[in-house]
């Protein structure tokens, strides 16, 4: 049985607009910057935060 909010989902940033917007707001950068960091660093949240 799947659980809501599993660890896998917390550690990654999907391509959904609300997740990109949330991460951009949290880091204080634009959504475009998050998208670029995602392309070069992958989907892992910690890697994206380091890149930005």
PDB file of N, CA and C in Angstrom:
ATOM      1  N   UNK A   1       0.843  -1.183   0.000  1.00  0.00           N
ATOM      2  CA  UNK A   1       0.000   0.000   0.000  1.00  0.00           C
ATOM      3  C   UNK A   1       0.887   1.245   0.000  1.00  0.00           C
ATOM      4  N   UNK A   2       0.561   2.166  -0.847  1.00  0.00           N
ATOM      5  CA  UNK A   2       1.330   3.407  -0.955  1.00  0.00           C
ATOM      6  C   UNK A   2       0.940   4.344   0.181  1.00  0.00           C
ATOM      7  N   UNK A   3       1.912   5.095   0.636  1.00  0.00           N
ATOM      8  CA  UNK A   3       1.635   6.089   1.662  1.00  0.00           C
ATOM      9  C   UNK A   3       1.723   7.472   1.042  1.00  0.00           C
ATOM     10  N   UNK A   4       0.985   8.379   1.589  1.00  0.00           N
ATOM     11  CA  UNK A   4       1.000   9.739   1.056  1.00  0.00           C
ATOM     12  C   UNK A   4       2.284  10.433   1.462  1.00  0.00           C
ATOM     13  N   UNK A   5       2.871  11.169   0.539  1.00  0.00           N
ATOM     14  CA  UNK A   5       4.068  11.940   0.831  1.00  0.00           C
ATOM     15  C   UNK A   5       5.266  11.077   1.161  1.00  0.00           C
ATOM     16  N   UNK A   6       5.499  10.073   0.349  1.00  0.00           N
ATOM     17  CA  UNK A   6       6.628   9.188   0.616  1.00  0.00           C
ATOM     18  C   UNK A   6       7.945   9.940   0.509  1.00  0.00           C
ATOM     19  N   UNK A   7       9.001   9.400   1.090  1.00  0.00           N
ATOM     20  CA  UNK A   7      10.298  10.065   1.101  1.00  0.00           C
ATOM     21  C   UNK A   7      10.809  10.358  -0.301  1.00  0.00           C
ATOM     22  N   UNK A   8      10.525   9.497  -1.246  1.00  0.00           N
ATOM     23  CA  UNK A   8      10.990   9.703  -2.615  1.00  0.00           C
ATOM     24  C   UNK A   8      10.452  11.020  -3.155  1.00  0.00           C
ATOM     25  N   UNK A   9       9.212  11.309  -2.902  1.00  0.00           N
ATOM     26  CA  UNK A   9       8.611  12.542  -3.411  1.00  0.00           C
ATOM     27  C   UNK A   9       9.140  13.776  -2.696  1.00  0.00           C
ATOM     28  N   UNK A  10       9.498  13.652  -1.428  1.00  0.00           N
ATOM     29  CA  UNK A  10      10.004  14.810  -0.692  1.00  0.00           C
ATOM     30  C   UNK A  10      11.402  15.199  -1.155  1.00  0.00           C
ATOM     31  N   UNK A  11      12.154  14.242  -1.656  1.00  0.00           N
ATOM     32  CA  UNK A  11      13.539  14.499  -2.038  1.00  0.00           C
ATOM     33  C   UNK A  11      13.710  14.943  -3.474  1.00  0.00           C
ATOM     34  N   UNK A  12      12.631  14.990  -4.230  1.00  0.00           N
ATOM     35  CA  UNK A  12      12.760  15.367  -5.630  1.00  0.00           C
ATOM     36  C   UNK A  12      11.797  16.504  -5.974  1.00  0.00           C
ATOM     37  N   UNK A  13      12.109  17.179  -7.069  1.00  0.00           N
ATOM     38  CA  UNK A  13      11.266  18.259  -7.569  1.00  0.00           C
ATOM     39  C   UNK A  13      10.754  17.824  -8.936  1.00  0.00           C
ATOM     40  N   UNK A  14       9.436  17.718  -9.074  1.00  0.00           N
ATOM     41  CA  UNK A  14       8.874  17.289 -10.352  1.00  0.00           C
ATOM     42  C   UNK A  14       8.779  18.483 -11.303  1.00  0.00           C
ATOM     43  N   UNK A  15       8.271  18.245 -12.490  1.00  0.00           N
ATOM     44  CA  UNK A  15       8.101  19.316 -13.476  1.00  0.00           C
ATOM     45  C   UNK A  15       6.775  20.037 -13.323  1.00  0.00           C
ATOM     46  N   UNK A  16       6.027  19.729 -12.272  1.00  0.00           N
ATOM     47  CA  UNK A  16       4.750  20.387 -12.071  1.00  0.00           C
ATOM     48  C   UNK A  16       4.974  21.848 -11.675  1.00  0.00           C
ATOM     49  N   UNK A  17       4.204  22.753 -12.278  1.00  0.00           N
ATOM     50  CA  UNK A  17       4.420  24.185 -12.054  1.00  0.00           C
ATOM     51  C   UNK A  17       4.385  24.598 -10.583  1.00  0.00           C
ATOM     52  N   UNK A  18       3.499  23.999  -9.792  1.00  0.00           N
ATOM     53  CA  UNK A  18       3.415  24.416  -8.392  1.00  0.00           C
ATOM     54  C   UNK A  18       4.657  24.010  -7.597  1.00  0.00           C
ATOM     55  N   UNK A  19       5.298  22.919  -7.958  1.00  0.00           N
ATOM     56  CA  UNK A  19       6.519  22.511  -7.256  1.00  0.00           C
ATOM     57  C   UNK A  19       7.692  23.401  -7.639  1.00  0.00           C
ATOM     58  N   UNK A  20       7.793  23.760  -8.901  1.00  0.00           N
ATOM     59  CA  UNK A  20       8.864  24.652  -9.350  1.00  0.00           C
ATOM     60  C   UNK A  20       8.677  26.029  -8.722  1.00  0.00           C
ATOM     61  N   UNK A  21       7.437  26.509  -8.673  1.00  0.00           N
ATOM     62  CA  UNK A  21       7.139  27.802  -8.076  1.00  0.00           C
ATOM     63  C   UNK A  21       7.473  27.800  -6.584  1.00  0.00           C
ATOM     64  N   UNK A  22       7.128  26.734  -5.884  1.00  0.00           N
ATOM     65  CA  UNK A  22       7.425  26.622  -4.453  1.00  0.00           C
ATOM     66  C   UNK A  22       8.934  26.657  -4.208  1.00  0.00           C
ATOM     67  N   UNK A  23       9.673  25.881  -4.963  1.00  0.00           N
ATOM     68  CA  UNK A  23      11.125  25.815  -4.791  1.00  0.00           C
ATOM     69  C   UNK A  23      11.765  27.168  -5.106  1.00  0.00           C
ATOM     70  N   UNK A  24      11.269  27.836  -6.145  1.00  0.00           N
ATOM     71  CA  UNK A  24      11.795  29.154  -6.517  1.00  0.00           C
ATOM     72  C   UNK A  24      11.544  30.163  -5.392  1.00  0.00           C
ATOM     73  N   UNK A  25      10.349  30.144  -4.835  1.00  0.00           N
ATOM     74  CA  UNK A  25      10.009  31.062  -3.746  1.00  0.00           C
ATOM     75  C   UNK A  25      10.865  30.761  -2.521  1.00  0.00           C
ATOM     76  N   UNK A  26      11.058  29.496  -2.216  1.00  0.00           N
ATOM     77  CA  UNK A  26      11.847  29.086  -1.055  1.00  0.00           C
ATOM     78  C   UNK A  26      13.303  29.530  -1.178  1.00  0.00           C
ATOM     79  N   UNK A  27      13.850  29.433  -2.382  1.00  0.00           N
ATOM     80  CA  UNK A  27      15.248  29.790  -2.614  1.00  0.00           C
ATOM     81  C   UNK A  27      15.437  31.265  -2.951  1.00  0.00           C
ATOM     82  N   UNK A  28      14.354  31.986  -3.239  1.00  0.00           N
ATOM     83  CA  UNK A  28      14.454  33.400  -3.564  1.00  0.00           C
ATOM     84  C   UNK A  28      14.975  33.663  -4.964  1.00  0.00           C
ATOM     85  N   UNK A  29      14.676  32.770  -5.894  1.00  0.00           N
ATOM     86  CA  UNK A  29      15.105  32.923  -7.286  1.00  0.00           C
ATOM     87  C   UNK A  29      13.886  32.774  -8.193  1.00  0.00           C
ATOM     88  N   UNK A  30      14.095  32.920  -9.503  1.00  0.00           N
ATOM     89  CA  UNK A  30      12.981  32.780 -10.436  1.00  0.00           C
ATOM     90  C   UNK A  30      12.731  31.307 -10.750  1.00  0.00           C
ATOM     91  N   UNK A  31      11.549  31.030 -11.262  1.00  0.00           N
ATOM     92  CA  UNK A  31      11.199  29.666 -11.655  1.00  0.00           C
ATOM     93  C   UNK A  31      12.097  29.193 -12.795  1.00  0.00           C
ATOM     94  N   UNK A  32      12.513  30.134 -13.635  1.00  0.00           N
ATOM     95  CA  UNK A  32      13.409  29.790 -14.746  1.00  0.00           C
ATOM     96  C   UNK A  32      14.766  29.307 -14.227  1.00  0.00           C
ATOM     97  N   UNK A  33      15.253  29.928 -13.154  1.00  0.00           N
ATOM     98  CA  UNK A  33      16.516  29.498 -12.553  1.00  0.00           C
ATOM     99  C   UNK A  33      16.407  28.070 -12.015  1.00  0.00           C
ATOM    100  N   UNK A  34      15.267  27.744 -11.416  1.00  0.00           N
ATOM    101  CA  UNK A  34      15.053  26.390 -10.891  1.00  0.00           C
ATOM    102  C   UNK A  34      15.015  25.394 -12.038  1.00  0.00           C
ATOM    103  N   UNK A  35      14.343  25.762 -13.128  1.00  0.00           N
ATOM    104  CA  UNK A  35      14.259  24.873 -14.289  1.00  0.00           C
ATOM    105  C   UNK A  35      15.638  24.608 -14.871  1.00  0.00           C
ATOM    106  N   UNK A  36      16.457  25.642 -14.974  1.00  0.00           N
ATOM    107  CA  UNK A  36      17.821  25.472 -15.497  1.00  0.00           C
ATOM    108  C   UNK A  36      18.660  24.600 -14.569  1.00  0.00           C
ATOM    109  N   UNK A  37      18.534  24.828 -13.263  1.00  0.00           N
ATOM    110  CA  UNK A  37      19.281  24.024 -12.291  1.00  0.00           C
ATOM    111  C   UNK A  37      18.828  22.578 -12.337  1.00  0.00           C
ATOM    112  N   UNK A  38      17.544  22.371 -12.560  1.00  0.00           N
ATOM    113  CA  UNK A  38      16.989  21.015 -12.652  1.00  0.00           C
ATOM    114  C   UNK A  38      17.561  20.270 -13.851  1.00  0.00           C
ATOM    115  N   UNK A  39      17.721  20.977 -14.957  1.00  0.00           N
ATOM    116  CA  UNK A  39      18.262  20.339 -16.158  1.00  0.00           C
ATOM    117  C   UNK A  39      19.702  19.909 -15.964  1.00  0.00           C
ATOM    118  N   UNK A  40      20.491  20.718 -15.253  1.00  0.00           N
ATOM    119  CA  UNK A  40      21.899  20.385 -15.089  1.00  0.00           C
ATOM    120  C   UNK A  40      22.184  19.511 -13.871  1.00  0.00           C
ATOM    121  N   UNK A  41      21.356  19.616 -12.822  1.00  0.00           N
ATOM    122  CA  UNK A  41      21.634  18.888 -11.583  1.00  0.00           C
ATOM    123  C   UNK A  41      20.749  17.669 -11.379  1.00  0.00           C
ATOM    124  N   UNK A  42      19.678  17.545 -12.151  1.00  0.00           N
ATOM    125  CA  UNK A  42      18.760  16.417 -11.965  1.00  0.00           C
ATOM    126  C   UNK A  42      17.575  16.815 -11.105  1.00  0.00           C
ATOM    127  N   UNK A  43      16.811  15.811 -10.659  1.00  0.00           N
ATOM    128  CA  UNK A  43      15.577  16.080  -9.923  1.00  0.00           C
ATOM    129  C   UNK A  43      15.748  16.154  -8.414  1.00  0.00           C
ATOM    130  N   UNK A  44      16.909  15.802  -7.900  1.00  0.00           N
ATOM    131  CA  UNK A  44      17.086  15.768  -6.448  1.00  0.00           C
ATOM    132  C   UNK A  44      17.094  17.179  -5.871  1.00  0.00           C
ATOM    133  N   UNK A  45      16.236  17.388  -4.874  1.00  0.00           N
ATOM    134  CA  UNK A  45      16.055  18.710  -4.257  1.00  0.00           C
ATOM    135  C   UNK A  45      17.375  19.269  -3.719  1.00  0.00           C
ATOM    136  N   UNK A  46      18.179  18.459  -3.035  1.00  0.00           N
ATOM    137  CA  UNK A  46      19.429  18.970  -2.450  1.00  0.00           C
ATOM    138  C   UNK A  46      20.410  19.409  -3.532  1.00  0.00           C
ATOM    139  N   UNK A  47      20.440  18.711  -4.660  1.00  0.00           N
ATOM    140  CA  UNK A  47      21.336  19.098  -5.757  1.00  0.00           C
ATOM    141  C   UNK A  47      20.889  20.403  -6.402  1.00  0.00           C
ATOM    142  N   UNK A  48      19.595  20.574  -6.537  1.00  0.00           N
ATOM    143  CA  UNK A  48      19.054  21.811  -7.106  1.00  0.00           C
ATOM    144  C   UNK A  48      19.370  22.990  -6.185  1.00  0.00           C
ATOM    145  N   UNK A  49      19.198  22.791  -4.874  1.00  0.00           N
ATOM    146  CA  UNK A  49      19.483  23.863  -3.921  1.00  0.00           C
ATOM    147  C   UNK A  49      20.953  24.257  -3.943  1.00  0.00           C
ATOM    148  N   UNK A  50      21.852  23.282  -4.105  1.00  0.00           N
ATOM    149  CA  UNK A  50      23.281  23.588  -4.192  1.00  0.00           C
ATOM    150  C   UNK A  50      23.582  24.380  -5.458  1.00  0.00           C
ATOM    151  N   UNK A  51      22.941  23.992  -6.568  1.00  0.00           N
ATOM    152  CA  UNK A  51      23.191  24.625  -7.860  1.00  0.00           C
ATOM    153  C   UNK A  51      22.729  26.078  -7.871  1.00  0.00           C
ATOM    154  N   UNK A  52      21.623  26.342  -7.192  1.00  0.00           N
ATOM    155  CA  UNK A  52      21.075  27.699  -7.163  1.00  0.00           C
ATOM    156  C   UNK A  52      21.843  28.478  -6.130  1.00  0.00           C
TER     157      UNK A  52
END
